[in-house]
Each structure stands twice: as C-alpha cells, then as structure tokens.
Amino acid sequence: MRSSLVGFTDYSNQSLEEITMDYKEFLNLSKKIIKEKRRVSKLKTQGDIQGIFLEIILFSEKFVEFFKQSFLKIKAVKVDLFTIQELKRMGESASTLDGLIAKIWHSYDYDIQKPIEKCYCEFRSYIVAMIDLTALSDELGRRYFIKGKNIYKSFKKESPFIKFYEEIKDWIKILKQ
C-alpha cells in the first residue's frame, strides 16, 4: 500500500504479496501512460511540454520492459542486485522527470487548453507515483542483501531452523493426525 506522500511509502511492514501488488499497479499505471502516446503526439503546444510528455512515455515503456524481466524474480524471492539497482535508478529518474515537468509547466505562459492540462495532471501523477520505486528498491535491498551478498539464499541453505524443521516435519504430520 503506497503512501500519500511522494517517495515515503514504508514497505518494511508489508508482505511480499503486498509489495508485488504495488509493483503490478506500477505496471498498470505505465501501460495507461503508454496508451496516451498518440494523443500526446497530436497536441499543439508551445515550448517543451510536449517533449517532457514524450520523455515520460519513454520512461513508462522502459519500465514495462523491465517489469517483464523482474516481476517473477521479485515474486519468487530470487531478486538479484541488478534488479535492486535498476529499480533505484528508475525511481531516481522518476524524481528527475517530476522536477522537469514541474519546472517546464510553471516556467512558460501557456495558452492552457483542457487536453494539455489533463495530460499534465495524468503524467505528473504517474511520475510522482513512480518515485516510490526508490523506496521499493531500498526495502528489497534491506530484506535480501548485505554488502552485495544475497542473504536470503544463504539463509535458506544454511539455516539451522530450516534444517531442524526438515528433520521433524514428518513427526508434525503424524501428531496432527
């Protein structure tokens, strides 16, 4: 569940299932933005606003491609360091794009037409939401890595608790009967 404050979603208390639900929501938001490509290319604007809209569409296309590579890794808890770093980089890029769209929108005196204003609102809301990718990457990094080493994999292999459970699980089944 994402926070209403930009970049301040606290994923530390969320289950992996909740995190993957948010991650899927990022995908759905990105697909919605990509569908706006034709409408944006037809807008008649002055200055750089159309260019920043197109940059945000390009960002969303890159995210969709990355999602295809990373979603199953995250869901199966097979997250690699590249995935964490790429999520962080994408969150930082979203923050940069947010600053650019705000600067461009507020620095020009546009003859603001409803279609342009509607695009601005949708694209700004989208890019602000994507800033949470940084918080997501930070949490996945905390959960599964220490100094670049995947602790989940080593924990799973070396844990005395898992070894003990493996030894007694047959007894547990017998006792439950």
N, C-alpha and C. Protein backbone atom coordinates (compact mmCIF):
# COMPACT_ATOMS: atom_id res chain seq x y z
N MET A 1 0.85 -1.18 0.00
CA MET A 1 0.00 0.00 0.00
C MET A 1 0.89 1.23 0.00
N ARG A 2 0.74 2.04 -1.01
CA ARG A 2 1.61 3.20 -1.15
C ARG A 2 1.15 4.35 -0.26
N SER A 3 2.11 5.16 0.12
CA SER A 3 1.87 6.33 0.95
C SER A 3 1.29 7.46 0.10
N SER A 4 0.61 8.38 0.74
CA SER A 4 0.12 9.55 0.02
C SER A 4 1.24 10.59 -0.14
N LEU A 5 2.34 10.41 0.57
CA LEU A 5 3.49 11.30 0.44
C LEU A 5 4.48 10.71 -0.55
N VAL A 6 4.94 11.53 -1.47
CA VAL A 6 5.83 11.08 -2.54
C VAL A 6 7.11 10.48 -1.99
N GLY A 7 7.39 9.24 -2.40
CA GLY A 7 8.64 8.59 -2.04
C GLY A 7 8.75 8.11 -0.61
N PHE A 8 7.67 8.21 0.16
CA PHE A 8 7.73 7.84 1.57
C PHE A 8 6.93 6.59 1.90
N THR A 9 6.68 5.76 0.91
CA THR A 9 5.99 4.51 1.20
C THR A 9 6.90 3.64 2.05
N ASP A 10 6.35 3.16 3.15
CA ASP A 10 7.12 2.30 4.04
C ASP A 10 6.78 0.85 3.73
N TYR A 11 7.67 0.20 2.99
CA TYR A 11 7.45 -1.19 2.63
C TYR A 11 7.94 -2.16 3.70
N SER A 12 8.53 -1.67 4.77
CA SER A 12 9.12 -2.57 5.77
C SER A 12 8.08 -3.41 6.49
N ASN A 13 6.86 -2.93 6.61
CA ASN A 13 5.81 -3.68 7.30
C ASN A 13 4.89 -4.41 6.33
N GLN A 14 5.25 -4.43 5.06
CA GLN A 14 4.39 -5.06 4.07
C GLN A 14 4.93 -6.42 3.68
N SER A 15 4.02 -7.32 3.42
CA SER A 15 4.42 -8.66 2.98
C SER A 15 4.89 -8.58 1.53
N LEU A 16 5.54 -9.62 1.10
CA LEU A 16 6.00 -9.68 -0.29
C LEU A 16 4.80 -9.65 -1.25
N GLU A 17 3.70 -10.23 -0.85
CA GLU A 17 2.49 -10.21 -1.67
C GLU A 17 1.99 -8.78 -1.86
N GLU A 18 1.99 -7.99 -0.79
CA GLU A 18 1.56 -6.59 -0.89
C GLU A 18 2.52 -5.79 -1.76
N ILE A 19 3.81 -6.07 -1.64
CA ILE A 19 4.80 -5.38 -2.45
C ILE A 19 4.59 -5.71 -3.93
N THR A 20 4.35 -6.98 -4.23
CA THR A 20 4.14 -7.34 -5.64
C THR A 20 2.84 -6.75 -6.17
N MET A 21 1.84 -6.57 -5.31
CA MET A 21 0.61 -5.90 -5.75
C MET A 21 0.90 -4.45 -6.14
N ASP A 22 1.69 -3.75 -5.34
CA ASP A 22 2.08 -2.38 -5.69
C ASP A 22 2.88 -2.36 -6.98
N TYR A 23 3.76 -3.33 -7.12
CA TYR A 23 4.60 -3.42 -8.32
C TYR A 23 3.73 -3.62 -9.57
N LYS A 24 2.69 -4.45 -9.46
CA LYS A 24 1.75 -4.65 -10.57
C LYS A 24 0.99 -3.35 -10.86
N GLU A 25 0.68 -2.61 -9.81
CA GLU A 25 -0.01 -1.33 -10.00
C GLU A 25 0.87 -0.35 -10.78
N PHE A 26 2.19 -0.36 -10.50
CA PHE A 26 3.11 0.46 -11.28
C PHE A 26 3.04 0.08 -12.76
N LEU A 27 2.93 -1.22 -13.03
CA LEU A 27 2.82 -1.69 -14.41
C LEU A 27 1.54 -1.17 -15.05
N ASN A 28 0.43 -1.27 -14.35
CA ASN A 28 -0.85 -0.80 -14.90
C ASN A 28 -0.83 0.69 -15.18
N LEU A 29 -0.24 1.45 -14.26
CA LEU A 29 -0.11 2.90 -14.48
C LEU A 29 0.74 3.19 -15.71
N SER A 30 1.82 2.44 -15.88
CA SER A 30 2.72 2.64 -17.01
C SER A 30 2.02 2.34 -18.33
N LYS A 31 1.25 1.26 -18.35
CA LYS A 31 0.51 0.90 -19.57
C LYS A 31 -0.51 1.98 -19.94
N LYS A 32 -1.11 2.55 -18.92
CA LYS A 32 -2.09 3.63 -19.15
C LYS A 32 -1.40 4.84 -19.80
N ILE A 33 -0.21 5.17 -19.33
CA ILE A 33 0.54 6.30 -19.88
C ILE A 33 0.96 6.01 -21.32
N ILE A 34 1.39 4.80 -21.60
CA ILE A 34 1.82 4.43 -22.95
C ILE A 34 0.67 4.60 -23.95
N LYS A 35 -0.55 4.32 -23.51
CA LYS A 35 -1.72 4.47 -24.38
C LYS A 35 -1.96 5.93 -24.79
N GLU A 36 -1.36 6.86 -24.07
CA GLU A 36 -1.54 8.28 -24.35
C GLU A 36 -0.59 8.81 -25.44
N LYS A 37 0.27 7.95 -25.95
CA LYS A 37 1.29 8.39 -26.91
C LYS A 37 0.69 9.09 -28.13
N ARG A 38 -0.31 8.49 -28.71
CA ARG A 38 -0.94 9.08 -29.90
C ARG A 38 -1.56 10.44 -29.58
N ARG A 39 -2.26 10.51 -28.46
CA ARG A 39 -2.91 11.77 -28.07
C ARG A 39 -1.86 12.86 -27.84
N VAL A 40 -0.76 12.52 -27.19
CA VAL A 40 0.30 13.50 -26.91
C VAL A 40 0.95 13.98 -28.21
N SER A 41 1.17 13.07 -29.13
CA SER A 41 1.81 13.48 -30.39
C SER A 41 0.93 14.41 -31.21
N LYS A 42 -0.37 14.41 -30.97
CA LYS A 42 -1.29 15.29 -31.71
C LYS A 42 -1.50 16.64 -31.02
N LEU A 43 -1.01 16.78 -29.80
CA LEU A 43 -1.20 18.05 -29.08
C LEU A 43 -0.46 19.18 -29.78
N LYS A 44 -1.09 20.33 -29.79
CA LYS A 44 -0.44 21.51 -30.35
C LYS A 44 -0.03 22.39 -29.17
N THR A 45 1.28 22.34 -28.85
CA THR A 45 1.78 23.08 -27.70
C THR A 45 2.97 23.93 -28.09
N GLN A 46 3.28 24.87 -27.23
CA GLN A 46 4.49 25.67 -27.39
C GLN A 46 5.51 25.16 -26.39
N GLY A 47 6.76 25.40 -26.66
CA GLY A 47 7.80 25.08 -25.70
C GLY A 47 8.05 23.60 -25.56
N ASP A 48 8.48 23.21 -24.37
CA ASP A 48 8.98 21.85 -24.12
C ASP A 48 7.98 20.90 -23.49
N ILE A 49 6.75 21.33 -23.28
CA ILE A 49 5.81 20.48 -22.53
C ILE A 49 5.52 19.17 -23.26
N GLN A 50 5.37 19.23 -24.57
CA GLN A 50 5.12 18.01 -25.33
C GLN A 50 6.33 17.07 -25.25
N GLY A 51 7.52 17.64 -25.26
CA GLY A 51 8.74 16.84 -25.15
C GLY A 51 8.84 16.11 -23.84
N ILE A 52 8.47 16.76 -22.74
CA ILE A 52 8.54 16.09 -21.43
C ILE A 52 7.47 15.01 -21.34
N PHE A 53 6.30 15.25 -21.96
CA PHE A 53 5.28 14.20 -22.01
C PHE A 53 5.84 12.96 -22.72
N LEU A 54 6.51 13.19 -23.84
CA LEU A 54 7.08 12.07 -24.60
C LEU A 54 8.21 11.37 -23.82
N GLU A 55 8.98 12.14 -23.06
CA GLU A 55 10.02 11.52 -22.21
C GLU A 55 9.40 10.62 -21.14
N ILE A 56 8.29 11.05 -20.59
CA ILE A 56 7.62 10.25 -19.56
C ILE A 56 7.04 8.98 -20.19
N ILE A 57 6.53 9.09 -21.41
CA ILE A 57 6.05 7.90 -22.12
C ILE A 57 7.20 6.93 -22.35
N LEU A 58 8.36 7.44 -22.75
CA LEU A 58 9.53 6.60 -22.95
C LEU A 58 9.94 5.92 -21.64
N PHE A 59 9.90 6.67 -20.55
CA PHE A 59 10.19 6.10 -19.23
C PHE A 59 9.24 4.95 -18.93
N SER A 60 7.95 5.15 -19.20
CA SER A 60 6.96 4.10 -18.90
C SER A 60 7.18 2.87 -19.78
N GLU A 61 7.60 3.06 -21.02
CA GLU A 61 7.91 1.92 -21.89
C GLU A 61 9.10 1.13 -21.35
N LYS A 62 10.11 1.86 -20.88
CA LYS A 62 11.27 1.18 -20.28
C LYS A 62 10.86 0.41 -19.03
N PHE A 63 9.99 1.00 -18.23
CA PHE A 63 9.55 0.31 -17.02
C PHE A 63 8.81 -0.98 -17.36
N VAL A 64 7.93 -0.94 -18.37
CA VAL A 64 7.18 -2.13 -18.76
C VAL A 64 8.14 -3.25 -19.18
N GLU A 65 9.16 -2.89 -19.94
CA GLU A 65 10.15 -3.89 -20.36
C GLU A 65 10.90 -4.46 -19.15
N PHE A 66 11.28 -3.58 -18.24
CA PHE A 66 11.99 -4.03 -17.04
C PHE A 66 11.09 -4.91 -16.17
N PHE A 67 9.82 -4.55 -16.08
CA PHE A 67 8.86 -5.33 -15.29
C PHE A 67 8.82 -6.77 -15.78
N LYS A 68 8.82 -6.96 -17.09
CA LYS A 68 8.77 -8.31 -17.66
C LYS A 68 9.95 -9.15 -17.18
N GLN A 69 11.10 -8.53 -17.01
CA GLN A 69 12.31 -9.24 -16.57
C GLN A 69 12.34 -9.46 -15.06
N SER A 70 11.77 -8.54 -14.31
CA SER A 70 11.99 -8.53 -12.87
C SER A 70 10.85 -9.07 -12.02
N PHE A 71 9.62 -9.07 -12.52
CA PHE A 71 8.48 -9.41 -11.67
C PHE A 71 8.59 -10.82 -11.10
N LEU A 72 8.88 -11.80 -11.93
CA LEU A 72 8.95 -13.18 -11.44
C LEU A 72 10.10 -13.35 -10.45
N LYS A 73 11.18 -12.60 -10.65
CA LYS A 73 12.30 -12.67 -9.70
C LYS A 73 11.85 -12.17 -8.32
N ILE A 74 11.12 -11.07 -8.31
CA ILE A 74 10.67 -10.49 -7.04
C ILE A 74 9.66 -11.43 -6.38
N LYS A 75 8.71 -11.91 -7.16
CA LYS A 75 7.67 -12.77 -6.60
C LYS A 75 8.24 -14.08 -6.06
N ALA A 76 9.26 -14.61 -6.71
CA ALA A 76 9.87 -15.88 -6.28
C ALA A 76 11.02 -15.68 -5.30
N VAL A 77 11.23 -14.46 -4.85
CA VAL A 77 12.30 -14.11 -3.92
C VAL A 77 13.66 -14.55 -4.49
N LYS A 78 13.85 -14.27 -5.76
CA LYS A 78 15.13 -14.52 -6.41
C LYS A 78 15.68 -13.20 -6.95
N VAL A 79 15.56 -12.20 -6.14
CA VAL A 79 15.96 -10.85 -6.51
C VAL A 79 17.48 -10.79 -6.60
N ASP A 80 17.96 -10.21 -7.69
CA ASP A 80 19.40 -10.04 -7.82
C ASP A 80 19.76 -8.56 -7.62
N LEU A 81 21.02 -8.31 -7.45
CA LEU A 81 21.48 -6.95 -7.17
C LEU A 81 21.17 -6.00 -8.33
N PHE A 82 21.24 -6.49 -9.56
CA PHE A 82 20.92 -5.66 -10.73
C PHE A 82 19.49 -5.15 -10.64
N THR A 83 18.55 -6.02 -10.27
CA THR A 83 17.14 -5.62 -10.17
C THR A 83 16.97 -4.50 -9.16
N ILE A 84 17.63 -4.64 -8.02
CA ILE A 84 17.54 -3.62 -6.97
C ILE A 84 18.11 -2.29 -7.47
N GLN A 85 19.27 -2.35 -8.10
CA GLN A 85 19.91 -1.13 -8.60
C GLN A 85 19.08 -0.49 -9.70
N GLU A 86 18.49 -1.29 -10.57
CA GLU A 86 17.68 -0.75 -11.65
C GLU A 86 16.40 -0.10 -11.12
N LEU A 87 15.76 -0.72 -10.13
CA LEU A 87 14.58 -0.11 -9.51
C LEU A 87 14.93 1.24 -8.89
N LYS A 88 16.07 1.29 -8.21
CA LYS A 88 16.51 2.55 -7.59
C LYS A 88 16.77 3.61 -8.66
N ARG A 89 17.46 3.21 -9.74
CA ARG A 89 17.75 4.15 -10.82
C ARG A 89 16.46 4.67 -11.45
N MET A 90 15.49 3.79 -11.63
CA MET A 90 14.22 4.22 -12.22
C MET A 90 13.47 5.17 -11.29
N GLY A 91 13.51 4.91 -9.99
CA GLY A 91 12.89 5.82 -9.03
C GLY A 91 13.55 7.19 -9.05
N GLU A 92 14.87 7.20 -9.15
CA GLU A 92 15.60 8.47 -9.23
C GLU A 92 15.30 9.19 -10.54
N SER A 93 15.17 8.45 -11.63
CA SER A 93 14.80 9.06 -12.92
C SER A 93 13.40 9.66 -12.84
N ALA A 94 12.50 8.96 -12.16
CA ALA A 94 11.14 9.49 -11.98
C ALA A 94 11.18 10.81 -11.21
N SER A 95 12.02 10.87 -10.20
CA SER A 95 12.14 12.11 -9.42
C SER A 95 12.67 13.25 -10.30
N THR A 96 13.64 12.95 -11.13
CA THR A 96 14.19 13.95 -12.05
C THR A 96 13.12 14.43 -13.03
N LEU A 97 12.37 13.47 -13.60
CA LEU A 97 11.30 13.83 -14.54
C LEU A 97 10.22 14.66 -13.86
N ASP A 98 9.93 14.35 -12.60
CA ASP A 98 8.95 15.13 -11.86
C ASP A 98 9.41 16.59 -11.74
N GLY A 99 10.67 16.77 -11.40
CA GLY A 99 11.20 18.13 -11.31
C GLY A 99 11.15 18.85 -12.66
N LEU A 100 11.46 18.14 -13.73
CA LEU A 100 11.45 18.74 -15.06
C LEU A 100 10.04 19.13 -15.51
N ILE A 101 9.09 18.23 -15.32
CA ILE A 101 7.73 18.54 -15.77
C ILE A 101 7.17 19.73 -14.98
N ALA A 102 7.48 19.80 -13.69
CA ALA A 102 7.01 20.93 -12.88
C ALA A 102 7.67 22.23 -13.34
N LYS A 103 8.97 22.16 -13.57
CA LYS A 103 9.70 23.36 -14.00
C LYS A 103 9.20 23.87 -15.35
N ILE A 104 9.03 22.95 -16.28
CA ILE A 104 8.56 23.35 -17.62
C ILE A 104 7.14 23.89 -17.55
N TRP A 105 6.29 23.22 -16.82
CA TRP A 105 4.89 23.63 -16.74
C TRP A 105 4.75 25.02 -16.11
N HIS A 106 5.53 25.29 -15.08
CA HIS A 106 5.38 26.56 -14.37
C HIS A 106 6.24 27.69 -14.93
N SER A 107 7.15 27.40 -15.84
CA SER A 107 8.01 28.46 -16.35
C SER A 107 7.52 29.10 -17.64
N TYR A 108 6.53 28.51 -18.26
CA TYR A 108 6.00 29.07 -19.51
C TYR A 108 4.59 29.56 -19.31
N ASP A 109 4.26 30.56 -20.11
CA ASP A 109 2.91 31.09 -20.08
C ASP A 109 2.15 30.44 -21.24
N TYR A 110 1.56 29.29 -20.96
CA TYR A 110 0.84 28.55 -21.98
C TYR A 110 -0.58 29.06 -22.12
N ASP A 111 -1.06 28.96 -23.32
CA ASP A 111 -2.49 29.12 -23.53
C ASP A 111 -3.04 27.75 -23.15
N ILE A 112 -3.36 27.60 -21.88
CA ILE A 112 -3.68 26.27 -21.35
C ILE A 112 -5.03 25.80 -21.89
N GLN A 113 -4.94 24.75 -22.66
CA GLN A 113 -6.13 24.11 -23.19
C GLN A 113 -6.43 22.91 -22.30
N LYS A 114 -7.68 22.53 -22.22
CA LYS A 114 -8.08 21.40 -21.37
C LYS A 114 -7.32 20.12 -21.69
N PRO A 115 -7.13 19.74 -22.98
CA PRO A 115 -6.39 18.48 -23.24
C PRO A 115 -4.95 18.52 -22.71
N ILE A 116 -4.30 19.68 -22.80
CA ILE A 116 -2.92 19.79 -22.32
C ILE A 116 -2.90 19.72 -20.79
N GLU A 117 -3.82 20.40 -20.17
CA GLU A 117 -3.88 20.39 -18.71
C GLU A 117 -4.20 18.98 -18.19
N LYS A 118 -5.10 18.28 -18.89
CA LYS A 118 -5.44 16.91 -18.49
C LYS A 118 -4.22 16.01 -18.61
N CYS A 119 -3.46 16.14 -19.69
CA CYS A 119 -2.22 15.35 -19.87
C CYS A 119 -1.24 15.65 -18.74
N TYR A 120 -1.08 16.94 -18.45
CA TYR A 120 -0.15 17.33 -17.39
C TYR A 120 -0.53 16.65 -16.08
N CYS A 121 -1.81 16.71 -15.71
CA CYS A 121 -2.25 16.12 -14.45
C CYS A 121 -2.02 14.61 -14.42
N GLU A 122 -2.36 13.92 -15.50
CA GLU A 122 -2.17 12.46 -15.55
C GLU A 122 -0.70 12.09 -15.50
N PHE A 123 0.11 12.79 -16.29
CA PHE A 123 1.53 12.45 -16.38
C PHE A 123 2.26 12.81 -15.09
N ARG A 124 1.89 13.90 -14.49
CA ARG A 124 2.53 14.29 -13.23
C ARG A 124 2.18 13.31 -12.12
N SER A 125 0.92 12.92 -12.05
CA SER A 125 0.50 11.94 -11.04
C SER A 125 1.23 10.62 -11.23
N TYR A 126 1.38 10.21 -12.48
CA TYR A 126 2.08 8.97 -12.78
C TYR A 126 3.53 9.03 -12.33
N ILE A 127 4.22 10.07 -12.73
CA ILE A 127 5.67 10.14 -12.47
C ILE A 127 5.93 10.29 -10.97
N VAL A 128 5.05 10.96 -10.27
CA VAL A 128 5.17 11.09 -8.81
C VAL A 128 5.01 9.71 -8.16
N ALA A 129 4.05 8.92 -8.64
CA ALA A 129 3.85 7.57 -8.10
C ALA A 129 5.09 6.71 -8.32
N MET A 130 5.74 6.88 -9.45
CA MET A 130 6.90 6.05 -9.80
C MET A 130 8.13 6.37 -8.95
N ILE A 131 8.13 7.48 -8.26
CA ILE A 131 9.23 7.81 -7.35
C ILE A 131 9.34 6.75 -6.25
N ASP A 132 8.22 6.11 -5.92
CA ASP A 132 8.23 5.06 -4.89
C ASP A 132 9.05 3.84 -5.29
N LEU A 133 9.47 3.75 -6.53
CA LEU A 133 10.36 2.65 -6.92
C LEU A 133 11.65 2.69 -6.10
N THR A 134 12.07 3.89 -5.70
CA THR A 134 13.26 4.02 -4.87
C THR A 134 13.04 3.36 -3.51
N ALA A 135 11.89 3.63 -2.89
CA ALA A 135 11.57 3.02 -1.60
C ALA A 135 11.44 1.50 -1.74
N LEU A 136 10.86 1.07 -2.84
CA LEU A 136 10.72 -0.36 -3.10
C LEU A 136 12.08 -1.04 -3.22
N SER A 137 12.98 -0.42 -3.96
CA SER A 137 14.32 -1.00 -4.12
C SER A 137 15.07 -1.00 -2.79
N ASP A 138 14.92 0.06 -2.01
CA ASP A 138 15.58 0.11 -0.70
C ASP A 138 15.10 -1.04 0.20
N GLU A 139 13.80 -1.29 0.21
CA GLU A 139 13.26 -2.35 1.05
C GLU A 139 13.71 -3.73 0.58
N LEU A 140 13.67 -3.96 -0.73
CA LEU A 140 14.14 -5.26 -1.24
C LEU A 140 15.62 -5.45 -0.93
N GLY A 141 16.38 -4.38 -1.03
CA GLY A 141 17.80 -4.46 -0.69
C GLY A 141 18.02 -4.79 0.77
N ARG A 142 17.23 -4.16 1.66
CA ARG A 142 17.35 -4.45 3.10
C ARG A 142 16.95 -5.89 3.41
N ARG A 143 15.93 -6.37 2.74
CA ARG A 143 15.44 -7.72 3.03
C ARG A 143 16.37 -8.81 2.53
N TYR A 144 16.99 -8.59 1.40
CA TYR A 144 17.66 -9.72 0.74
C TYR A 144 19.15 -9.56 0.49
N PHE A 145 19.73 -8.41 0.85
CA PHE A 145 21.15 -8.22 0.58
C PHE A 145 21.87 -7.56 1.75
N ILE A 146 23.11 -7.99 1.98
CA ILE A 146 24.03 -7.31 2.89
C ILE A 146 25.35 -7.23 2.16
N LYS A 147 25.82 -6.01 1.95
CA LYS A 147 27.09 -5.78 1.26
C LYS A 147 27.16 -6.53 -0.06
N GLY A 148 26.07 -6.47 -0.82
CA GLY A 148 26.05 -7.07 -2.14
C GLY A 148 25.86 -8.58 -2.17
N LYS A 149 25.75 -9.22 -0.98
CA LYS A 149 25.56 -10.67 -0.92
C LYS A 149 24.10 -10.98 -0.63
N ASN A 150 23.52 -11.88 -1.41
CA ASN A 150 22.12 -12.24 -1.23
C ASN A 150 21.98 -13.08 0.04
N ILE A 151 21.43 -12.48 1.09
CA ILE A 151 21.32 -13.18 2.38
C ILE A 151 20.18 -14.18 2.40
N TYR A 152 19.18 -13.99 1.58
CA TYR A 152 18.07 -14.94 1.58
C TYR A 152 18.54 -16.31 1.12
N LYS A 153 19.29 -16.33 0.03
CA LYS A 153 19.76 -17.61 -0.49
C LYS A 153 20.67 -18.30 0.52
N SER A 154 21.59 -17.55 1.12
CA SER A 154 22.49 -18.19 2.08
C SER A 154 21.73 -18.61 3.33
N PHE A 155 20.76 -17.81 3.75
CA PHE A 155 19.94 -18.18 4.91
C PHE A 155 19.19 -19.47 4.63
N LYS A 156 18.61 -19.55 3.45
CA LYS A 156 17.82 -20.71 3.10
C LYS A 156 18.67 -21.99 3.10
N LYS A 157 19.90 -21.87 2.67
CA LYS A 157 20.78 -23.04 2.60
C LYS A 157 21.38 -23.40 3.96
N GLU A 158 21.67 -22.42 4.79
CA GLU A 158 22.47 -22.65 5.98
C GLU A 158 21.69 -22.58 7.29
N SER A 159 20.43 -22.24 7.24
CA SER A 159 19.69 -22.03 8.48
C SER A 159 19.52 -23.31 9.29
N PRO A 160 19.91 -23.29 10.57
CA PRO A 160 19.69 -24.46 11.41
C PRO A 160 18.20 -24.69 11.66
N PHE A 161 17.39 -23.63 11.62
CA PHE A 161 15.96 -23.77 11.85
C PHE A 161 15.29 -24.53 10.72
N ILE A 162 15.69 -24.19 9.49
CA ILE A 162 15.13 -24.90 8.34
C ILE A 162 15.58 -26.35 8.36
N LYS A 163 16.83 -26.59 8.71
CA LYS A 163 17.35 -27.96 8.80
C LYS A 163 16.58 -28.73 9.87
N PHE A 164 16.36 -28.11 11.03
CA PHE A 164 15.62 -28.74 12.11
C PHE A 164 14.18 -29.05 11.68
N TYR A 165 13.55 -28.09 11.02
CA TYR A 165 12.18 -28.29 10.55
C TYR A 165 12.11 -29.46 9.57
N GLU A 166 13.07 -29.53 8.67
CA GLU A 166 13.11 -30.63 7.71
C GLU A 166 13.18 -31.98 8.44
N GLU A 167 13.92 -32.02 9.52
CA GLU A 167 14.08 -33.26 10.27
C GLU A 167 12.80 -33.67 11.02
N ILE A 168 12.01 -32.69 11.48
CA ILE A 168 10.84 -33.04 12.30
C ILE A 168 9.51 -32.90 11.57
N LYS A 169 9.49 -32.48 10.31
CA LYS A 169 8.20 -32.23 9.66
C LYS A 169 7.35 -33.50 9.54
N ASP A 170 7.98 -34.66 9.40
CA ASP A 170 7.20 -35.90 9.36
C ASP A 170 6.51 -36.16 10.69
N TRP A 171 7.20 -35.86 11.78
CA TRP A 171 6.62 -36.02 13.11
C TRP A 171 5.44 -35.07 13.32
N ILE A 172 5.58 -33.88 12.78
CA ILE A 172 4.49 -32.90 12.90
C ILE A 172 3.25 -33.41 12.19
N LYS A 173 3.41 -33.99 11.01
CA LYS A 173 2.27 -34.54 10.27
C LYS A 173 1.60 -35.65 11.06
N ILE A 174 2.40 -36.51 11.67
CA ILE A 174 1.85 -37.62 12.46
C ILE A 174 1.07 -37.08 13.66
N LEU A 175 1.62 -36.08 14.34
CA LEU A 175 0.94 -35.52 15.50
C LEU A 175 -0.38 -34.81 15.13
N LYS A 176 -0.44 -34.23 13.96
CA LYS A 176 -1.66 -33.54 13.53
C LYS A 176 -2.79 -34.52 13.22
N GLN A 177 -2.43 -35.74 12.93
CA GLN A 177 -3.46 -36.75 12.62
C GLN A 177 -4.08 -37.18 13.88
